Amino acid sequence: MNIFKISILFAFFISLPTFAGQGSTPPFVNKDVVDVLNKEYLKLKSIYEKKLAECQKNRKKIELQNSQLLYLSNLGMSEKDIGKAVVYLGMRNEDLCVNNVQKDFYFSAGLLKTAKKMNDEEFDELENIQDITANSVIKSLDHLSFYLALPQTTKDYFDGIFGFEPFNMIKAVNSIKRQ
């Protein structure tokens, strides 16, 4: 069952008490709906974890060459600036690899959390997911704003080196420091 159908089903079952004339009672989600949401969540969690592992396993090993560092240096970029750009690109490429699967998984987790909350049930696992995601996004914003401020030719040069597939960010950053 796709996530869109599940969200429609969820909305329908939330509104049932209102349609049945029980609008004054707090919303309650039918146990069958919660079970469907839980099954979908577990399925999407497994798919997401497999995709994340696949992306990490297939990371390219990229080391910046002296000529590339010299070119970037001639553009006025310090070692620290190059490192920030590489870190941003590493996060961007990792996100591109898992993006669609990740969105479905997070959406499913949010639906399940809402349903459980409406039934006064706990779903602590999502809190951890949200915390990890929020921390990752906040850390990447500084790198993103730096990268977006670079001239387009510089961004194109970086994209030519790193592409849009996941790569070993640690190895790439270490190659900057070794040169």
Protein backbone atom coordinates (compact mmCIF):
# COMPACT_ATOMS: atom_id res chain seq x y z
CA MET A 1 0.00 0.00 0.00
CA ASN A 2 1.53 3.34 -0.90
CA ILE A 3 1.94 6.17 1.57
CA PHE A 4 -0.69 8.37 -0.14
CA LYS A 5 -3.38 5.71 0.25
CA ILE A 6 -2.41 5.24 3.88
CA SER A 7 -2.66 8.96 4.62
CA ILE A 8 -6.13 9.11 3.03
CA LEU A 9 -7.19 6.06 5.05
CA PHE A 10 -5.79 7.67 8.19
CA ALA A 11 -7.67 10.95 7.58
CA PHE A 12 -10.89 9.04 6.95
CA PHE A 13 -10.68 7.07 10.20
CA ILE A 14 -9.78 10.16 12.23
CA SER A 15 -12.92 11.89 10.98
CA LEU A 16 -15.26 8.94 11.70
CA PRO A 17 -16.17 10.04 15.26
CA THR A 18 -17.23 13.43 13.91
CA PHE A 19 -19.35 11.87 11.15
CA ALA A 20 -20.95 9.52 13.67
CA GLY A 21 -22.15 12.44 15.78
CA GLN A 22 -19.45 11.99 18.37
CA GLY A 23 -17.69 15.26 17.57
CA SER A 24 -17.27 16.11 21.25
CA THR A 25 -15.12 13.07 21.98
CA PRO A 26 -11.40 13.35 21.47
CA PRO A 27 -10.14 11.82 18.23
CA PHE A 28 -9.45 8.12 18.40
CA VAL A 29 -7.82 5.98 15.74
CA ASN A 30 -9.19 2.51 15.14
CA LYS A 31 -6.77 -0.26 16.18
CA ASP A 32 -6.90 -1.74 12.65
CA VAL A 33 -5.72 1.58 11.23
CA VAL A 34 -2.89 1.77 13.77
CA ASP A 35 -1.90 -1.79 12.82
CA VAL A 36 -1.81 -0.88 9.11
CA LEU A 37 0.24 2.24 9.89
CA ASN A 38 2.62 0.20 12.05
CA LYS A 39 3.11 -2.44 9.33
CA GLU A 40 3.77 0.27 6.74
CA TYR A 41 6.18 2.02 9.11
CA LEU A 42 8.14 -1.20 9.74
CA LYS A 43 8.23 -1.99 6.01
CA LEU A 44 9.46 1.51 5.11
CA LYS A 45 11.96 1.48 7.97
CA SER A 46 13.47 -1.72 6.60
CA ILE A 47 13.57 -0.30 3.06
CA TYR A 48 15.18 2.91 4.33
CA GLU A 49 17.81 1.07 6.37
CA LYS A 50 18.69 -1.13 3.37
CA LYS A 51 18.94 1.88 1.07
CA LEU A 52 21.09 3.78 3.58
CA ALA A 53 23.41 0.78 3.93
CA GLU A 54 23.58 0.43 0.14
CA CYS A 55 24.44 4.12 -0.25
CA GLN A 56 27.15 3.88 2.39
CA LYS A 57 28.56 0.67 0.91
CA ASN A 58 28.78 2.17 -2.58
CA ARG A 59 30.51 5.38 -1.58
CA LYS A 60 33.15 6.43 -4.08
CA LYS A 61 36.67 7.00 -2.84
CA ILE A 62 37.65 10.47 -3.99
CA GLU A 63 40.87 12.21 -3.07
CA LEU A 64 41.53 15.74 -4.21
CA GLN A 65 44.67 15.98 -6.32
CA ASN A 66 47.31 18.70 -5.96
CA SER A 67 46.22 20.28 -9.24
CA GLN A 68 42.60 20.47 -8.06
CA LEU A 69 43.61 22.01 -4.75
CA LEU A 70 45.84 24.49 -6.53
CA TYR A 71 43.00 25.49 -8.86
CA LEU A 72 40.63 26.00 -5.90
CA SER A 73 43.32 27.90 -4.03
CA ASN A 74 43.76 30.18 -7.06
CA LEU A 75 40.02 30.88 -6.84
CA GLY A 76 40.67 32.23 -3.35
CA MET A 77 39.52 29.21 -1.37
CA SER A 78 41.35 28.32 1.80
CA GLU A 79 41.85 24.74 3.00
CA LYS A 80 39.01 25.32 5.48
CA ASP A 81 36.70 26.59 2.70
CA ILE A 82 37.45 23.58 0.53
CA GLY A 83 36.76 21.31 3.50
CA LYS A 84 33.39 22.99 4.14
CA ALA A 85 32.42 22.53 0.52
CA VAL A 86 33.45 18.87 0.57
CA VAL A 87 31.46 18.23 3.77
CA TYR A 88 28.39 19.89 2.26
CA LEU A 89 28.72 17.86 -0.94
CA GLY A 90 29.12 14.66 1.08
CA MET A 91 25.89 15.37 2.97
CA ARG A 92 24.08 16.46 -0.19
CA ASN A 93 25.08 13.37 -2.13
CA GLU A 94 24.14 11.06 0.74
CA ASP A 95 20.73 12.77 0.95
CA LEU A 96 20.22 12.45 -2.80
CA CYS A 97 20.89 8.73 -2.54
CA VAL A 98 18.25 8.05 0.15
CA ASN A 99 15.90 10.98 -0.45
CA ASN A 100 12.70 9.37 -1.78
CA VAL A 101 12.89 6.39 0.54
CA GLN A 102 13.70 8.66 3.48
CA LYS A 103 10.72 10.94 2.84
CA ASP A 104 8.28 8.02 2.75
CA PHE A 105 9.80 6.55 5.91
CA TYR A 106 9.62 9.85 7.84
CA PHE A 107 6.08 10.51 6.63
CA SER A 108 5.00 7.04 7.69
CA ALA A 109 6.66 7.53 11.09
CA GLY A 110 4.84 10.84 11.52
CA LEU A 111 1.47 9.25 10.71
CA LEU A 112 2.10 6.41 13.15
CA LYS A 113 3.22 8.82 15.86
CA THR A 114 0.08 10.93 15.39
CA ALA A 115 -2.20 7.89 15.49
CA LYS A 116 -0.53 6.54 18.63
CA LYS A 117 -0.63 9.95 20.30
CA MET A 118 -4.35 10.23 19.55
CA ASN A 119 -4.80 6.89 21.29
CA ASP A 120 -2.58 7.97 24.20
CA GLU A 121 0.10 5.45 23.19
CA GLU A 122 3.85 6.05 23.17
CA PHE A 123 6.08 6.05 20.12
CA ASP A 124 9.50 7.08 21.42
CA GLU A 125 11.41 5.75 18.42
CA LEU A 126 10.24 8.70 16.31
CA GLU A 127 11.60 11.20 18.84
CA ASN A 128 15.09 9.75 18.25
CA ILE A 129 14.62 9.89 14.47
CA GLN A 130 13.47 13.51 14.65
CA ASP A 131 16.36 14.51 16.92
CA ILE A 132 18.96 12.90 14.66
CA THR A 133 17.41 14.48 11.58
CA ALA A 134 17.10 17.92 13.17
CA ASN A 135 20.72 17.86 14.35
CA SER A 136 21.90 16.80 10.90
CA VAL A 137 19.91 19.53 9.16
CA ILE A 138 21.10 22.23 11.56
CA LYS A 139 24.73 21.19 11.11
CA SER A 140 24.37 21.21 7.34
CA LEU A 141 22.79 24.68 7.13
CA ASP A 142 26.09 26.46 7.74
CA HIS A 143 27.76 24.41 5.04
CA LEU A 144 24.80 24.88 2.70
CA SER A 145 24.80 28.68 3.03
CA PHE A 146 28.55 28.72 2.44
CA TYR A 147 28.25 26.50 -0.63
CA LEU A 148 25.35 28.45 -2.13
CA ALA A 149 27.37 31.67 -1.86
CA LEU A 150 30.15 30.21 -4.04
CA PRO A 151 30.32 31.35 -7.66
CA GLN A 152 28.56 28.98 -10.06
CA THR A 153 31.82 28.10 -11.81
CA THR A 154 33.29 26.95 -8.47
CA LYS A 155 30.21 24.85 -7.70
CA ASP A 156 30.39 23.36 -11.19
CA TYR A 157 34.05 22.49 -10.60
CA PHE A 158 33.21 20.75 -7.31
CA ASP A 159 30.31 18.90 -8.96
CA GLY A 160 32.70 17.76 -11.67
CA ILE A 161 34.98 16.25 -9.03
CA PHE A 162 32.39 14.77 -6.66
CA GLY A 163 29.35 14.27 -8.86
CA PHE A 164 26.05 13.43 -7.21
CA GLU A 165 26.72 9.95 -5.85
CA PRO A 166 27.77 9.27 -2.24
CA PHE A 167 31.49 9.41 -1.59
CA ASN A 168 33.77 8.83 1.37
CA MET A 169 33.73 12.32 2.88
CA ILE A 170 36.39 11.56 5.51
CA LYS A 171 38.84 10.34 2.88
CA ALA A 172 38.18 13.41 0.72
CA VAL A 173 38.65 15.84 3.64
CA ASN A 174 41.80 14.03 4.75
CA SER A 175 43.21 14.35 1.22
CA ILE A 176 42.97 18.15 1.59
CA LYS A 177 44.99 18.10 4.81
CA ARG A 178 47.68 15.77 3.44
CA GLN A 179 48.60 18.03 0.56
